[in-house]
């Protein structure tokens, strides 16, 4: 994704978080045309930038959780009723380590994934 498209996407997410029920048009250059009658509902550029920084700070953890959830889903078969207890026991530490990964890491850049049994 190009920087311009990524910035546009972040700005759109930021606006949605700040004013989820507001009506506006977001242009390619980042400018906004608000369709609000109540101008007090329109956030300032400072509010928008602060929320965007908050969103950017949350993105690495969100990506980490997404990848973790994908790995958990891939091993959900272990929880089946027809799976022998010995297999469940072997997979339990792996799945628990996946669940705990967000207690240790905050980004995909530094995570060390546990090994499957």
PDB file of N, CA and C in Angstrom:
ATOM      1  N   UNK A   1       0.852  -1.165   0.000  1.00  0.00           N
ATOM      2  CA  UNK A   1       0.000   0.000   0.000  1.00  0.00           C
ATOM      3  C   UNK A   1       0.899   1.230   0.000  1.00  0.00           C
ATOM      4  N   UNK A   2       0.612   2.180  -0.873  1.00  0.00           N
ATOM      5  CA  UNK A   2       1.424   3.390  -0.936  1.00  0.00           C
ATOM      6  C   UNK A   2       1.194   4.244   0.312  1.00  0.00           C
ATOM      7  N   UNK A   3       2.154   5.104   0.591  1.00  0.00           N
ATOM      8  CA  UNK A   3       2.053   5.993   1.749  1.00  0.00           C
ATOM      9  C   UNK A   3       0.811   6.868   1.686  1.00  0.00           C
ATOM     10  N   UNK A   4       0.521   7.372   0.494  1.00  0.00           N
ATOM     11  CA  UNK A   4      -0.635   8.251   0.317  1.00  0.00           C
ATOM     12  C   UNK A   4      -1.931   7.519   0.625  1.00  0.00           C
ATOM     13  N   UNK A   5      -2.044   6.299   0.124  1.00  0.00           N
ATOM     14  CA  UNK A   5      -3.249   5.497   0.365  1.00  0.00           C
ATOM     15  C   UNK A   5      -3.334   5.120   1.846  1.00  0.00           C
ATOM     16  N   UNK A   6      -2.195   4.762   2.428  1.00  0.00           N
ATOM     17  CA  UNK A   6      -2.171   4.402   3.845  1.00  0.00           C
ATOM     18  C   UNK A   6      -2.577   5.585   4.720  1.00  0.00           C
ATOM     19  N   UNK A   7      -2.071   6.774   4.407  1.00  0.00           N
ATOM     20  CA  UNK A   7      -2.449   7.971   5.169  1.00  0.00           C
ATOM     21  C   UNK A   7      -3.929   8.287   5.021  1.00  0.00           C
ATOM     22  N   UNK A   8      -4.451   8.121   3.813  1.00  0.00           N
ATOM     23  CA  UNK A   8      -5.880   8.338   3.579  1.00  0.00           C
ATOM     24  C   UNK A   8      -6.700   7.360   4.418  1.00  0.00           C
ATOM     25  N   UNK A   9      -6.282   6.102   4.413  1.00  0.00           N
ATOM     26  CA  UNK A   9      -6.981   5.059   5.164  1.00  0.00           C
ATOM     27  C   UNK A   9      -6.956   5.369   6.664  1.00  0.00           C
ATOM     28  N   UNK A  10      -5.791   5.755   7.173  1.00  0.00           N
ATOM     29  CA  UNK A  10      -5.676   6.098   8.594  1.00  0.00           C
ATOM     30  C   UNK A  10      -6.563   7.292   8.945  1.00  0.00           C
ATOM     31  N   UNK A  11      -6.595   8.282   8.063  1.00  0.00           N
ATOM     32  CA  UNK A  11      -7.429   9.462   8.323  1.00  0.00           C
ATOM     33  C   UNK A  11      -8.903   9.078   8.352  1.00  0.00           C
ATOM     34  N   UNK A  12      -9.303   8.206   7.431  1.00  0.00           N
ATOM     35  CA  UNK A  12     -10.699   7.750   7.403  1.00  0.00           C
ATOM     36  C   UNK A  12     -11.045   6.981   8.675  1.00  0.00           C
ATOM     37  N   UNK A  13     -10.150   6.088   9.118  1.00  0.00           N
ATOM     38  CA  UNK A  13     -10.390   5.351  10.365  1.00  0.00           C
ATOM     39  C   UNK A  13     -10.456   6.296  11.563  1.00  0.00           C
ATOM     40  N   UNK A  14      -9.581   7.273  11.562  1.00  0.00           N
ATOM     41  CA  UNK A  14      -9.551   8.253  12.646  1.00  0.00           C
ATOM     42  C   UNK A  14     -10.868   9.011  12.724  1.00  0.00           C
ATOM     43  N   UNK A  15     -11.358   9.474  11.590  1.00  0.00           N
ATOM     44  CA  UNK A  15     -12.620  10.222  11.570  1.00  0.00           C
ATOM     45  C   UNK A  15     -13.778   9.351  12.031  1.00  0.00           C
ATOM     46  N   UNK A  16     -13.767   8.095  11.600  1.00  0.00           N
ATOM     47  CA  UNK A  16     -14.835   7.177  11.997  1.00  0.00           C
ATOM     48  C   UNK A  16     -14.823   6.957  13.515  1.00  0.00           C
ATOM     49  N   UNK A  17     -13.615   6.866  14.094  1.00  0.00           N
ATOM     50  CA  UNK A  17     -13.512   6.695  15.545  1.00  0.00           C
ATOM     51  C   UNK A  17     -13.933   7.950  16.291  1.00  0.00           C
ATOM     52  N   UNK A  18     -13.537   9.105  15.781  1.00  0.00           N
ATOM     53  CA  UNK A  18     -13.847  10.363  16.459  1.00  0.00           C
ATOM     54  C   UNK A  18     -15.336  10.710  16.401  1.00  0.00           C
ATOM     55  N   UNK A  19     -15.892  10.578  15.232  1.00  0.00           N
ATOM     56  CA  UNK A  19     -17.295  10.961  15.024  1.00  0.00           C
ATOM     57  C   UNK A  19     -17.990   9.880  14.201  1.00  0.00           C
ATOM     58  N   UNK A  20     -18.318   8.747  14.841  1.00  0.00           N
ATOM     59  CA  UNK A  20     -18.861   7.605  14.090  1.00  0.00           C
ATOM     60  C   UNK A  20     -20.172   7.883  13.365  1.00  0.00           C
ATOM     61  N   UNK A  21     -20.949   8.827  13.828  1.00  0.00           N
ATOM     62  CA  UNK A  21     -22.249   9.085  13.199  1.00  0.00           C
ATOM     63  C   UNK A  21     -22.266  10.343  12.348  1.00  0.00           C
ATOM     64  N   UNK A  22     -21.115  10.942  12.147  1.00  0.00           N
ATOM     65  CA  UNK A  22     -21.052  12.171  11.356  1.00  0.00           C
ATOM     66  C   UNK A  22     -21.042  11.864   9.868  1.00  0.00           C
ATOM     67  N   UNK A  23     -21.492  12.827   9.114  1.00  0.00           N
ATOM     68  CA  UNK A  23     -21.502  12.732   7.659  1.00  0.00           C
ATOM     69  C   UNK A  23     -20.455  13.697   7.123  1.00  0.00           C
ATOM     70  N   UNK A  24     -19.585  13.197   6.266  1.00  0.00           N
ATOM     71  CA  UNK A  24     -18.529  14.031   5.696  1.00  0.00           C
ATOM     72  C   UNK A  24     -18.018  13.375   4.419  1.00  0.00           C
ATOM     73  N   UNK A  25     -17.254  14.148   3.671  1.00  0.00           N
ATOM     74  CA  UNK A  25     -16.566  13.642   2.496  1.00  0.00           C
ATOM     75  C   UNK A  25     -15.085  13.853   2.736  1.00  0.00           C
ATOM     76  N   UNK A  26     -14.320  12.810   2.585  1.00  0.00           N
ATOM     77  CA  UNK A  26     -12.868  12.868   2.734  1.00  0.00           C
ATOM     78  C   UNK A  26     -12.268  12.831   1.338  1.00  0.00           C
ATOM     79  N   UNK A  27     -11.500  13.856   1.022  1.00  0.00           N
ATOM     80  CA  UNK A  27     -10.907  13.973  -0.302  1.00  0.00           C
ATOM     81  C   UNK A  27      -9.493  13.385  -0.324  1.00  0.00           C
ATOM     82  N   UNK A  28      -9.005  13.087  -1.524  1.00  0.00           N
ATOM     83  CA  UNK A  28      -7.691  12.462  -1.678  1.00  0.00           C
ATOM     84  C   UNK A  28      -6.573  13.264  -1.026  1.00  0.00           C
ATOM     85  N   UNK A  29      -6.692  14.576  -1.009  1.00  0.00           N
ATOM     86  CA  UNK A  29      -5.630  15.402  -0.417  1.00  0.00           C
ATOM     87  C   UNK A  29      -5.732  15.469   1.111  1.00  0.00           C
ATOM     88  N   UNK A  30      -6.699  14.746   1.680  1.00  0.00           N
ATOM     89  CA  UNK A  30      -6.861  14.710   3.131  1.00  0.00           C
ATOM     90  C   UNK A  30      -7.826  15.746   3.670  1.00  0.00           C
ATOM     91  N   UNK A  31      -8.285  16.639   2.818  1.00  0.00           N
ATOM     92  CA  UNK A  31      -9.241  17.645   3.291  1.00  0.00           C
ATOM     93  C   UNK A  31     -10.610  17.001   3.505  1.00  0.00           C
ATOM     94  N   UNK A  32     -11.395  17.650   4.347  1.00  0.00           N
ATOM     95  CA  UNK A  32     -12.695  17.103   4.744  1.00  0.00           C
ATOM     96  C   UNK A  32     -13.769  18.146   4.514  1.00  0.00           C
ATOM     97  N   UNK A  33     -14.860  17.712   3.943  1.00  0.00           N
ATOM     98  CA  UNK A  33     -16.048  18.566   3.837  1.00  0.00           C
ATOM     99  C   UNK A  33     -17.089  17.965   4.767  1.00  0.00           C
ATOM    100  N   UNK A  34     -17.386  18.673   5.845  1.00  0.00           N
ATOM    101  CA  UNK A  34     -18.338  18.183   6.835  1.00  0.00           C
ATOM    102  C   UNK A  34     -19.746  18.517   6.407  1.00  0.00           C
ATOM    103  N   UNK A  35     -20.639  17.565   6.537  1.00  0.00           N
ATOM    104  CA  UNK A  35     -22.045  17.757   6.206  1.00  0.00           C
ATOM    105  C   UNK A  35     -22.846  17.981   7.479  1.00  0.00           C
ATOM    106  N   UNK A  36     -22.176  18.488   8.504  1.00  0.00           N
ATOM    107  CA  UNK A  36     -22.807  18.690   9.801  1.00  0.00           C
ATOM    108  C   UNK A  36     -23.500  20.047   9.858  1.00  0.00           C
ATOM    109  N   UNK A  37     -24.678  20.057  10.423  1.00  0.00           N
ATOM    110  CA  UNK A  37     -25.374  21.303  10.687  1.00  0.00           C
ATOM    111  C   UNK A  37     -24.790  21.924  11.955  1.00  0.00           C
ATOM    112  N   UNK A  38     -24.498  21.080  12.926  1.00  0.00           N
ATOM    113  CA  UNK A  38     -23.933  21.516  14.199  1.00  0.00           C
ATOM    114  C   UNK A  38     -22.413  21.540  14.074  1.00  0.00           C
ATOM    115  N   UNK A  39     -21.827  22.712  13.930  1.00  0.00           N
ATOM    116  CA  UNK A  39     -20.385  22.811  13.735  1.00  0.00           C
ATOM    117  C   UNK A  39     -19.608  22.448  14.997  1.00  0.00           C
ATOM    118  N   UNK A  40     -20.256  22.395  16.151  1.00  0.00           N
ATOM    119  CA  UNK A  40     -19.579  21.976  17.373  1.00  0.00           C
ATOM    120  C   UNK A  40     -19.224  20.489  17.312  1.00  0.00           C
ATOM    121  N   UNK A  41     -19.903  19.736  16.463  1.00  0.00           N
ATOM    122  CA  UNK A  41     -19.632  18.306  16.323  1.00  0.00           C
ATOM    123  C   UNK A  41     -18.417  18.040  15.441  1.00  0.00           C
ATOM    124  N   UNK A  42     -17.923  19.058  14.771  1.00  0.00           N
ATOM    125  CA  UNK A  42     -16.783  18.907  13.874  1.00  0.00           C
ATOM    126  C   UNK A  42     -15.491  18.964  14.697  1.00  0.00           C
ATOM    127  N   UNK A  43     -14.669  17.908  14.618  1.00  0.00           N
ATOM    128  CA  UNK A  43     -13.420  17.925  15.392  1.00  0.00           C
ATOM    129  C   UNK A  43     -12.394  18.885  14.793  1.00  0.00           C
ATOM    130  N   UNK A  44     -11.530  19.385  15.635  1.00  0.00           N
ATOM    131  CA  UNK A  44     -10.456  20.253  15.167  1.00  0.00           C
ATOM    132  C   UNK A  44      -9.355  19.388  14.551  1.00  0.00           C
ATOM    133  N   UNK A  45      -8.461  20.019  13.803  1.00  0.00           N
ATOM    134  CA  UNK A  45      -7.324  19.290  13.232  1.00  0.00           C
ATOM    135  C   UNK A  45      -6.469  18.692  14.341  1.00  0.00           C
ATOM    136  N   UNK A  46      -6.353  19.386  15.471  1.00  0.00           N
ATOM    137  CA  UNK A  46      -5.578  18.884  16.602  1.00  0.00           C
ATOM    138  C   UNK A  46      -6.210  17.614  17.172  1.00  0.00           C
ATOM    139  N   UNK A  47      -7.539  17.599  17.282  1.00  0.00           N
ATOM    140  CA  UNK A  47      -8.243  16.404  17.759  1.00  0.00           C
ATOM    141  C   UNK A  47      -8.057  15.242  16.779  1.00  0.00           C
ATOM    142  N   UNK A  48      -8.128  15.548  15.505  1.00  0.00           N
ATOM    143  CA  UNK A  48      -7.960  14.515  14.479  1.00  0.00           C
ATOM    144  C   UNK A  48      -6.550  13.942  14.542  1.00  0.00           C
ATOM    145  N   UNK A  49      -5.553  14.809  14.643  1.00  0.00           N
ATOM    146  CA  UNK A  49      -4.156  14.344  14.687  1.00  0.00           C
ATOM    147  C   UNK A  49      -3.890  13.525  15.950  1.00  0.00           C
ATOM    148  N   UNK A  50      -4.423  13.957  17.083  1.00  0.00           N
ATOM    149  CA  UNK A  50      -4.228  13.215  18.339  1.00  0.00           C
ATOM    150  C   UNK A  50      -4.853  11.823  18.245  1.00  0.00           C
ATOM    151  N   UNK A  51      -6.036  11.735  17.669  1.00  0.00           N
ATOM    152  CA  UNK A  51      -6.703  10.434  17.516  1.00  0.00           C
ATOM    153  C   UNK A  51      -5.953   9.561  16.520  1.00  0.00           C
ATOM    154  N   UNK A  52      -5.418  10.170  15.465  1.00  0.00           N
ATOM    155  CA  UNK A  52      -4.641   9.418  14.476  1.00  0.00           C
ATOM    156  C   UNK A  52      -3.386   8.829  15.127  1.00  0.00           C
ATOM    157  N   UNK A  53      -2.725   9.592  15.965  1.00  0.00           N
ATOM    158  CA  UNK A  53      -1.536   9.086  16.659  1.00  0.00           C
ATOM    159  C   UNK A  53      -1.904   7.931  17.581  1.00  0.00           C
ATOM    160  N   UNK A  54      -3.045   8.050  18.243  1.00  0.00           N
ATOM    161  CA  UNK A  54      -3.534   6.963  19.095  1.00  0.00           C
ATOM    162  C   UNK A  54      -3.791   5.696  18.274  1.00  0.00           C
ATOM    163  N   UNK A  55      -4.434   5.868  17.145  1.00  0.00           N
ATOM    164  CA  UNK A  55      -4.723   4.755  16.235  1.00  0.00           C
ATOM    165  C   UNK A  55      -3.430   4.094  15.761  1.00  0.00           C
ATOM    166  N   UNK A  56      -2.457   4.897  15.359  1.00  0.00           N
ATOM    167  CA  UNK A  56      -1.176   4.364  14.889  1.00  0.00           C
ATOM    168  C   UNK A  56      -0.463   3.583  15.993  1.00  0.00           C
ATOM    169  N   UNK A  57      -0.585   4.057  17.224  1.00  0.00           N
ATOM    170  CA  UNK A  57       0.055   3.369  18.343  1.00  0.00           C
ATOM    171  C   UNK A  57      -0.585   2.005  18.602  1.00  0.00           C
ATOM    172  N   UNK A  58      -1.866   1.881  18.303  1.00  0.00           N
ATOM    173  CA  UNK A  58      -2.592   0.627  18.530  1.00  0.00           C
ATOM    174  C   UNK A  58      -2.393  -0.397  17.406  1.00  0.00           C
ATOM    175  N   UNK A  59      -1.972   0.054  16.248  1.00  0.00           N
ATOM    176  CA  UNK A  59      -1.907  -0.823  15.071  1.00  0.00           C
ATOM    177  C   UNK A  59      -0.947  -2.009  15.236  1.00  0.00           C
ATOM    178  N   UNK A  60       0.252  -1.837  15.776  1.00  0.00           N
ATOM    179  CA  UNK A  60       1.129  -3.015  15.910  1.00  0.00           C
ATOM    180  C   UNK A  60       0.519  -4.108  16.788  1.00  0.00           C
ATOM    181  N   UNK A  61      -0.123  -3.720  17.887  1.00  0.00           N
ATOM    182  CA  UNK A  61      -0.744  -4.711  18.771  1.00  0.00           C
ATOM    183  C   UNK A  61      -1.934  -5.363  18.080  1.00  0.00           C
ATOM    184  N   UNK A  62      -2.665  -4.603  17.321  1.00  0.00           N
ATOM    185  CA  UNK A  62      -3.808  -5.156  16.591  1.00  0.00           C
ATOM    186  C   UNK A  62      -3.333  -6.190  15.567  1.00  0.00           C
ATOM    187  N   UNK A  63      -2.238  -5.891  14.881  1.00  0.00           N
ATOM    188  CA  UNK A  63      -1.688  -6.833  13.909  1.00  0.00           C
ATOM    189  C   UNK A  63      -1.179  -8.094  14.608  1.00  0.00           C
ATOM    190  N   UNK A  64      -0.561  -7.918  15.762  1.00  0.00           N
ATOM    191  CA  UNK A  64      -0.083  -9.066  16.536  1.00  0.00           C
ATOM    192  C   UNK A  64      -1.249  -9.954  16.959  1.00  0.00           C
ATOM    193  N   UNK A  65      -2.305  -9.352  17.471  1.00  0.00           N
ATOM    194  CA  UNK A  65      -3.481 -10.132  17.878  1.00  0.00           C
ATOM    195  C   UNK A  65      -4.098 -10.863  16.690  1.00  0.00           C
ATOM    196  N   UNK A  66      -4.146 -10.195  15.549  1.00  0.00           N
ATOM    197  CA  UNK A  66      -4.727 -10.811  14.345  1.00  0.00           C
ATOM    198  C   UNK A  66      -3.941 -12.072  13.962  1.00  0.00           C
ATOM    199  N   UNK A  67      -2.617 -11.973  13.948  1.00  0.00           N
ATOM    200  CA  UNK A  67      -1.786 -13.122  13.589  1.00  0.00           C
ATOM    201  C   UNK A  67      -1.907 -14.215  14.642  1.00  0.00           C
ATOM    202  N   UNK A  68      -1.936 -13.827  15.916  1.00  0.00           N
ATOM    203  CA  UNK A  68      -2.096 -14.793  17.009  1.00  0.00           C
ATOM    204  C   UNK A  68      -3.422 -15.531  16.873  1.00  0.00           C
ATOM    205  N   UNK A  69      -4.487 -14.790  16.611  1.00  0.00           N
ATOM    206  CA  UNK A  69      -5.810 -15.404  16.464  1.00  0.00           C
ATOM    207  C   UNK A  69      -5.847 -16.377  15.286  1.00  0.00           C
ATOM    208  N   UNK A  70      -5.134 -16.029  14.224  1.00  0.00           N
ATOM    209  CA  UNK A  70      -5.058 -16.909  13.062  1.00  0.00           C
ATOM    210  C   UNK A  70      -4.377 -18.228  13.437  1.00  0.00           C
ATOM    211  N   UNK A  71      -3.291 -18.139  14.187  1.00  0.00           N
ATOM    212  CA  UNK A  71      -2.580 -19.344  14.615  1.00  0.00           C
ATOM    213  C   UNK A  71      -3.422 -20.184  15.581  1.00  0.00           C
ATOM    214  N   UNK A  72      -4.156 -19.519  16.458  1.00  0.00           N
ATOM    215  CA  UNK A  72      -5.048 -20.259  17.358  1.00  0.00           C
ATOM    216  C   UNK A  72      -6.129 -20.986  16.563  1.00  0.00           C
ATOM    217  N   UNK A  73      -6.698 -20.286  15.590  1.00  0.00           N
ATOM    218  CA  UNK A  73      -7.759 -20.889  14.777  1.00  0.00           C
ATOM    219  C   UNK A  73      -7.244 -22.109  14.011  1.00  0.00           C
ATOM    220  N   UNK A  74      -6.002 -22.029  13.523  1.00  0.00           N
ATOM    221  CA  UNK A  74      -5.407 -23.150  12.792  1.00  0.00           C
ATOM    222  C   UNK A  74      -5.251 -24.391  13.677  1.00  0.00           C
ATOM    223  N   UNK A  75      -5.185 -24.176  14.996  1.00  0.00           N
ATOM    224  CA  UNK A  75      -5.009 -25.317  15.903  1.00  0.00           C
ATOM    225  C   UNK A  75      -6.274 -25.617  16.710  1.00  0.00           C
ATOM    226  N   UNK A  76      -7.388 -25.041  16.325  1.00  0.00           N
ATOM    227  CA  UNK A  76      -8.651 -25.298  17.032  1.00  0.00           C
ATOM    228  C   UNK A  76      -9.065 -26.773  16.966  1.00  0.00           C
ATOM    229  N   UNK A  77      -8.600 -27.456  15.946  1.00  0.00           N
ATOM    230  CA  UNK A  77      -8.976 -28.867  15.792  1.00  0.00           C
ATOM    231  C   UNK A  77      -8.598 -29.680  17.034  1.00  0.00           C
ATOM    232  N   UNK A  78      -7.604 -29.222  17.755  1.00  0.00           N
ATOM    233  CA  UNK A  78      -7.125 -29.933  18.947  1.00  0.00           C
ATOM    234  C   UNK A  78      -8.205 -30.008  20.026  1.00  0.00           C
ATOM    235  N   UNK A  79      -9.122 -29.078  20.001  1.00  0.00           N
ATOM    236  CA  UNK A  79     -10.167 -29.028  21.031  1.00  0.00           C
ATOM    237  C   UNK A  79     -11.343 -29.952  20.751  1.00  0.00           C
ATOM    238  N   UNK A  80     -11.299 -30.655  19.646  1.00  0.00           N
ATOM    239  CA  UNK A  80     -12.414 -31.531  19.287  1.00  0.00           C
ATOM    240  C   UNK A  80     -12.621 -32.662  20.274  1.00  0.00           C
ATOM    241  N   UNK A  81     -13.872 -33.080  20.401  1.00  0.00           N
ATOM    242  CA  UNK A  81     -14.218 -34.167  21.330  1.00  0.00           C
ATOM    243  C   UNK A  81     -13.554 -35.486  20.953  1.00  0.00           C
ATOM    244  N   UNK A  82     -13.304 -35.690  19.664  1.00  0.00           N
ATOM    245  CA  UNK A  82     -12.736 -36.953  19.212  1.00  0.00           C
ATOM    246  C   UNK A  82     -11.203 -36.971  19.225  1.00  0.00           C
ATOM    247  N   UNK A  83     -10.582 -35.895  19.691  1.00  0.00           N
ATOM    248  CA  UNK A  83      -9.122 -35.823  19.753  1.00  0.00           C
ATOM    249  C   UNK A  83      -8.653 -36.443  21.068  1.00  0.00           C
ATOM    250  N   UNK A  84      -7.736 -37.382  21.009  1.00  0.00           N
ATOM    251  CA  UNK A  84      -7.244 -38.031  22.233  1.00  0.00           C
ATOM    252  C   UNK A  84      -6.622 -37.021  23.200  1.00  0.00           C
ATOM    253  N   UNK A  85      -6.787 -37.310  24.489  1.00  0.00           N
ATOM    254  CA  UNK A  85      -6.290 -36.416  25.527  1.00  0.00           C
ATOM    255  C   UNK A  85      -4.774 -36.215  25.430  1.00  0.00           C
ATOM    256  N   UNK A  86      -4.054 -37.222  25.006  1.00  0.00           N
ATOM    257  CA  UNK A  86      -2.592 -37.096  24.889  1.00  0.00           C
ATOM    258  C   UNK A  86      -2.210 -36.029  23.863  1.00  0.00           C
ATOM    259  N   UNK A  87      -2.978 -35.932  22.779  1.00  0.00           N
ATOM    260  CA  UNK A  87      -2.724 -34.903  21.759  1.00  0.00           C
ATOM    261  C   UNK A  87      -3.108 -33.535  22.309  1.00  0.00           C
ATOM    262  N   UNK A  88      -4.239 -33.470  22.995  1.00  0.00           N
ATOM    263  CA  UNK A  88      -4.647 -32.204  23.613  1.00  0.00           C
ATOM    264  C   UNK A  88      -3.589 -31.714  24.586  1.00  0.00           C
ATOM    265  N   UNK A  89      -3.071 -32.630  25.397  1.00  0.00           N
ATOM    266  CA  UNK A  89      -2.052 -32.275  26.381  1.00  0.00           C
ATOM    267  C   UNK A  89      -0.773 -31.770  25.701  1.00  0.00           C
ATOM    268  N   UNK A  90      -0.417 -32.384  24.583  1.00  0.00           N
ATOM    269  CA  UNK A  90       0.788 -31.971  23.858  1.00  0.00           C
ATOM    270  C   UNK A  90       0.628 -30.576  23.251  1.00  0.00           C
ATOM    271  N   UNK A  91      -0.577 -30.242  22.820  1.00  0.00           N
ATOM    272  CA  UNK A  91      -0.833 -28.956  22.182  1.00  0.00           C
ATOM    273  C   UNK A  91      -1.175 -27.845  23.171  1.00  0.00           C
ATOM    274  N   UNK A  92      -1.534 -28.195  24.378  1.00  0.00           N
ATOM    275  CA  UNK A  92      -1.955 -27.187  25.348  1.00  0.00           C
ATOM    276  C   UNK A  92      -0.894 -26.100  25.580  1.00  0.00           C
ATOM    277  N   UNK A  93       0.386 -26.445  25.814  1.00  0.00           N
ATOM    278  CA  UNK A  93       1.385 -25.387  26.052  1.00  0.00           C
ATOM    279  C   UNK A  93       1.541 -24.429  24.862  1.00  0.00           C
ATOM    280  N   UNK A  94       1.463 -24.971  23.660  1.00  0.00           N
ATOM    281  CA  UNK A  94       1.554 -24.138  22.459  1.00  0.00           C
ATOM    282  C   UNK A  94       0.408 -23.130  22.402  1.00  0.00           C
ATOM    283  N   UNK A  95      -0.803 -23.638  22.599  1.00  0.00           N
ATOM    284  CA  UNK A  95      -1.975 -22.763  22.516  1.00  0.00           C
ATOM    285  C   UNK A  95      -1.985 -21.751  23.659  1.00  0.00           C
ATOM    286  N   UNK A  96      -1.537 -22.158  24.838  1.00  0.00           N
ATOM    287  CA  UNK A  96      -1.481 -21.227  25.953  1.00  0.00           C
ATOM    288  C   UNK A  96      -0.429 -20.140  25.691  1.00  0.00           C
ATOM    289  N   UNK A  97       0.691 -20.532  25.114  1.00  0.00           N
ATOM    290  CA  UNK A  97       1.736 -19.553  24.774  1.00  0.00           C
ATOM    291  C   UNK A  97       1.213 -18.546  23.748  1.00  0.00           C
ATOM    292  N   UNK A  98       0.401 -19.012  22.803  1.00  0.00           N
ATOM    293  CA  UNK A  98      -0.213 -18.085  21.847  1.00  0.00           C
ATOM    294  C   UNK A  98      -1.140 -17.111  22.555  1.00  0.00           C
ATOM    295  N   UNK A  99      -1.949 -17.617  23.474  1.00  0.00           N
ATOM    296  CA  UNK A  99      -2.869 -16.740  24.200  1.00  0.00           C
ATOM    297  C   UNK A  99      -2.102 -15.691  25.015  1.00  0.00           C
ATOM    298  N   UNK A 100      -0.951 -16.093  25.550  1.00  0.00           N
ATOM    299  CA  UNK A 100      -0.163 -15.210  26.411  1.00  0.00           C
ATOM    300  C   UNK A 100       0.784 -14.285  25.648  1.00  0.00           C
ATOM    301  N   UNK A 101       0.876 -14.437  24.349  1.00  0.00           N
ATOM    302  CA  UNK A 101       1.883 -13.715  23.570  1.00  0.00           C
ATOM    303  C   UNK A 101       1.747 -12.192  23.692  1.00  0.00           C
ATOM    304  N   UNK A 102       0.526 -11.702  23.859  1.00  0.00           N
ATOM    305  CA  UNK A 102       0.340 -10.254  23.962  1.00  0.00           C
ATOM    306  C   UNK A 102       0.733  -9.715  25.341  1.00  0.00           C
ATOM    307  N   UNK A 103       1.046 -10.598  26.272  1.00  0.00           N
ATOM    308  CA  UNK A 103       1.567 -10.146  27.565  1.00  0.00           C
ATOM    309  C   UNK A 103       3.065  -9.871  27.479  1.00  0.00           C
ATOM    310  N   UNK A 104       3.709 -10.430  26.452  1.00  0.00           N
ATOM    311  CA  UNK A 104       5.160 -10.315  26.310  1.00  0.00           C
ATOM    312  C   UNK A 104       5.564  -9.405  25.162  1.00  0.00           C
ATOM    313  N   UNK A 105       4.828  -9.468  24.063  1.00  0.00           N
ATOM    314  CA  UNK A 105       5.190  -8.724  22.858  1.00  0.00           C
ATOM    315  C   UNK A 105       4.124  -7.697  22.515  1.00  0.00           C
ATOM    316  N   UNK A 106       4.544  -6.665  21.777  1.00  0.00           N
ATOM    317  CA  UNK A 106       3.610  -5.610  21.386  1.00  0.00           C
ATOM    318  C   UNK A 106       3.598  -5.374  19.879  1.00  0.00           C
ATOM    319  N   UNK A 107       4.373  -6.168  19.140  1.00  0.00           N
ATOM    320  CA  UNK A 107       4.476  -5.942  17.702  1.00  0.00           C
ATOM    321  C   UNK A 107       4.896  -7.225  16.994  1.00  0.00           C
ATOM    322  N   UNK A 108       4.501  -7.347  15.751  1.00  0.00           N
ATOM    323  CA  UNK A 108       4.936  -8.479  14.933  1.00  0.00           C
ATOM    324  C   UNK A 108       6.435  -8.413  14.653  1.00  0.00           C
ATOM    325  N   UNK A 109       7.005  -7.222  14.770  1.00  0.00           N
ATOM    326  CA  UNK A 109       8.420  -7.042  14.463  1.00  0.00           C
ATOM    327  C   UNK A 109       9.343  -7.758  15.438  1.00  0.00           C
ATOM    328  N   UNK A 110       8.903  -7.917  16.691  1.00  0.00           N
ATOM    329  CA  UNK A 110       9.796  -8.521  17.695  1.00  0.00           C
ATOM    330  C   UNK A 110       9.298  -9.835  18.269  1.00  0.00           C
ATOM    331  N   UNK A 111       8.155 -10.304  17.823  1.00  0.00           N
ATOM    332  CA  UNK A 111       7.570 -11.518  18.409  1.00  0.00           C
ATOM    333  C   UNK A 111       8.362 -12.774  18.048  1.00  0.00           C
ATOM    334  N   UNK A 112       8.463 -13.662  19.012  1.00  0.00           N
ATOM    335  CA  UNK A 112       9.026 -14.996  18.777  1.00  0.00           C
ATOM    336  C   UNK A 112       7.888 -15.972  19.013  1.00  0.00           C
ATOM    337  N   UNK A 113       7.436 -16.589  17.953  1.00  0.00           N
ATOM    338  CA  UNK A 113       6.286 -17.485  18.028  1.00  0.00           C
ATOM    339  C   UNK A 113       6.693 -18.807  18.659  1.00  0.00           C
ATOM    340  N   UNK A 114       5.799 -19.397  19.453  1.00  0.00           N
ATOM    341  CA  UNK A 114       6.094 -20.728  19.995  1.00  0.00           C
ATOM    342  C   UNK A 114       6.069 -21.767  18.890  1.00  0.00           C
ATOM    343  N   UNK A 115       6.745 -22.858  19.134  1.00  0.00           N
ATOM    344  CA  UNK A 115       6.787 -23.950  18.149  1.00  0.00           C
ATOM    345  C   UNK A 115       5.623 -24.891  18.364  1.00  0.00           C
ATOM    346  N   UNK A 116       5.076 -25.355  17.265  1.00  0.00           N
ATOM    347  CA  UNK A 116       4.017 -26.372  17.359  1.00  0.00           C
ATOM    348  C   UNK A 116       4.631 -27.672  17.838  1.00  0.00           C
ATOM    349  N   UNK A 117       3.858 -28.463  18.584  1.00  0.00           N
ATOM    350  CA  UNK A 117       4.391 -29.753  19.048  1.00  0.00           C
ATOM    351  C   UNK A 117       4.612 -30.728  17.907  1.00  0.00           C
TER     352      UNK A 117
END
